[in-house]
C-alpha atoms as a PDB file:
ATOM      1  CA  MET A   1       0.541   3.160  15.796  1.00  0.00           C
ATOM      2  CA  SER A   2       3.614   2.434  17.961  1.00  0.00           C
ATOM      3  CA  GLY A   3       5.195  -0.593  18.192  1.00  0.00           C
ATOM      4  CA  GLN A   4       3.642  -1.910  14.586  1.00  0.00           C
ATOM      5  CA  GLY A   5       5.497  -2.978  12.067  1.00  0.00           C
ATOM      6  CA  CYS A   6       5.267  -1.924   7.980  1.00  0.00           C
ATOM      7  CA  LEU A   7       1.985  -3.560   6.533  1.00  0.00           C
ATOM      8  CA  ILE A   8       4.508  -5.245   3.524  1.00  0.00           C
ATOM      9  CA  GLY A   9       5.854  -8.573   4.928  1.00  0.00           C
ATOM     10  CA  GLY A  10       9.699  -8.148   4.950  1.00  0.00           C
ATOM     11  CA  CYS A  11      10.014  -3.923   5.316  1.00  0.00           C
ATOM     12  CA  GLN A  12      11.355  -2.923   8.382  1.00  0.00           C
ATOM     13  CA  GLY A  13      11.032   0.618   7.703  1.00  0.00           C
ATOM     14  CA  LYS A  14      10.035   2.827  10.787  1.00  0.00           C
ATOM     15  CA  VAL A  15       5.975   3.569  10.380  1.00  0.00           C
ATOM     16  CA  TYR A  16       4.699   6.799   9.349  1.00  0.00           C
ATOM     17  CA  ALA A  17       1.520   6.498   8.258  1.00  0.00           C
ATOM     18  CA  PRO A  18      -1.836   4.191   8.203  1.00  0.00           C
ATOM     19  CA  ALA A  19      -3.445   2.171   5.643  1.00  0.00           C
ATOM     20  CA  GLY A  20      -6.993   1.103   7.078  1.00  0.00           C
ATOM     21  CA  THR A  21      -6.690  -0.548  10.355  1.00  0.00           C
ATOM     22  CA  GLN A  22      -2.605  -1.238   9.633  1.00  0.00           C
ATOM     23  CA  SER A  23       0.435   0.833   9.641  1.00  0.00           C
ATOM     24  CA  ILE A  24       3.197   1.206   6.759  1.00  0.00           C
ATOM     25  CA  CYS A  25       6.729   3.003   6.480  1.00  0.00           C
ATOM     26  CA  LYS A  26       7.239   6.469   4.264  1.00  0.00           C
ATOM     27  CA  ASP A  27       8.102   5.096   1.158  1.00  0.00           C
ATOM     28  CA  HIS A  28       5.200   2.542   0.466  1.00  0.00           C
ATOM     29  CA  PHE A  29       2.898   5.564   2.411  1.00  0.00           C
ATOM     30  CA  LEU A  30       4.602   7.476  -0.735  1.00  0.00           C
ATOM     31  CA  ASN A  31       3.769   4.510  -3.220  1.00  0.00           C
ATOM     32  CA  PHE A  32      -0.053   3.580  -1.805  1.00  0.00           C
ATOM     33  CA  LEU A  33      -0.473   7.651  -2.498  1.00  0.00           C
ATOM     34  CA  THR A  34       0.304   7.455  -6.235  1.00  0.00           C
ATOM     35  CA  TRP A  35      -0.928   4.108  -6.692  1.00  0.00           C
ATOM     36  CA  ARG A  36      -4.394   5.662  -5.845  1.00  0.00           C
ATOM     37  CA  ARG A  37      -3.486   8.808  -7.365  1.00  0.00           C
ATOM     38  CA  ARG A  38      -3.623   6.886 -10.231  1.00  0.00           C
ATOM     39  CA  ARG A  39      -6.404   5.145 -10.044  1.00  0.00           C
ATOM     40  CA  GLY A  40      -8.235   8.711 -10.662  1.00  0.00           C
ATOM     41  CA  PRO A  41      -9.225  11.742  -8.437  1.00  0.00           C
ATOM     42  CA  GLN A  42     -12.108  10.785  -7.326  1.00  0.00           C
ATOM     43  CA  MET A  43     -10.505   8.049  -5.484  1.00  0.00           C
ATOM     44  CA  PHE A  44      -9.196  10.471  -2.604  1.00  0.00           C
ATOM     45  CA  ARG A  45     -12.881  11.804  -1.934  1.00  0.00           C
ATOM     46  CA  LYS A  46     -14.053   8.426  -1.752  1.00  0.00           C
ATOM     47  CA  TYR A  47     -10.974   6.707   0.387  1.00  0.00           C
ATOM     48  CA  ALA A  48     -12.357   9.743   3.022  1.00  0.00           C
ATOM     49  CA  ALA A  49     -15.784   8.445   3.399  1.00  0.00           C
ATOM     50  CA  MET A  50     -14.178   4.688   3.893  1.00  0.00           C
ATOM     51  CA  THR A  51     -15.008   2.733   6.843  1.00  0.00           C
ATOM     52  CA  MET A  52     -11.747   1.593   7.987  1.00  0.00           C
ATOM     53  CA  GLU A  53     -13.370  -2.415   6.805  1.00  0.00           C
ATOM     54  CA  GLU A  54     -13.143  -0.568   2.865  1.00  0.00           C
ATOM     55  CA  ARG A  55      -9.702   1.046   3.483  1.00  0.00           C
ATOM     56  CA  ASP A  56      -8.293  -2.299   4.422  1.00  0.00           C
ATOM     57  CA  GLN A  57      -9.446  -3.711   1.222  1.00  0.00           C
ATOM     58  CA  VAL A  58      -8.227  -1.058  -0.934  1.00  0.00           C
ATOM     59  CA  ALA A  59      -5.186  -1.172   1.275  1.00  0.00           C
ATOM     60  CA  ALA A  60      -5.133  -4.921   0.081  1.00  0.00           C
ATOM     61  CA  GLU A  61      -5.522  -4.490  -3.258  1.00  0.00           C
ATOM     62  CA  TRP A  62      -2.602  -1.644  -3.383  1.00  0.00           C
ATOM     63  CA  GLN A  63      -0.724  -5.026  -1.995  1.00  0.00           C
ATOM     64  CA  GLN A  64      -1.175  -7.430  -4.137  1.00  0.00           C
ATOM     65  CA  THR A  65      -0.034  -4.707  -7.088  1.00  0.00           C
ATOM     66  CA  LEU A  66       3.157  -4.313  -4.765  1.00  0.00           C
ATOM     67  CA  ASN A  67       3.369  -8.454  -4.961  1.00  0.00           C
ATOM     68  CA  THR A  68       3.244  -8.550  -8.227  1.00  0.00           C
ATOM     69  CA  LYS A  69       5.614  -6.055  -9.567  1.00  0.00           C
ATOM     70  CA  GLU A  70       8.166  -7.009  -6.829  1.00  0.00           C
ATOM     71  CA  LEU A  71       8.565 -10.778  -8.201  1.00  0.00           C
ATOM     72  CA  PRO A  72      11.700 -11.523 -10.153  1.00  0.00           C
ATOM     73  CA  THR A  73      11.640 -11.511 -14.288  1.00  0.00           C
ATOM     74  CA  PRO A  74      12.390 -14.667 -15.844  1.00  0.00           C
ATOM     75  CA  LEU A  75      16.254 -13.817 -17.812  1.00  0.00           C
ATOM     76  CA  SER A  76      15.260 -14.314 -21.504  1.00  0.00           C
ATOM     77  CA  ALA A  77      17.239 -16.414 -23.337  1.00  0.00           C
ATOM     78  CA  LEU A  78      20.234 -15.897 -25.315  1.00  0.00           C
END
């Protein structure tokens, strides 16, 4: 994991944990765990049994949810 940056573009956080074959910082790792927990308790058992390629797909799905949350919302007309 050393020498790698956070999977999330623009993040300068120190690498903390793996997310598939990539690595993420601590803040994004906690967000990833929360996202997986919200998908249901079976996600933790299923994720543990996944191959790295399958984990990459889950991490990519999570990353897309981050991108949609981080988009600026349009200002409402006054």
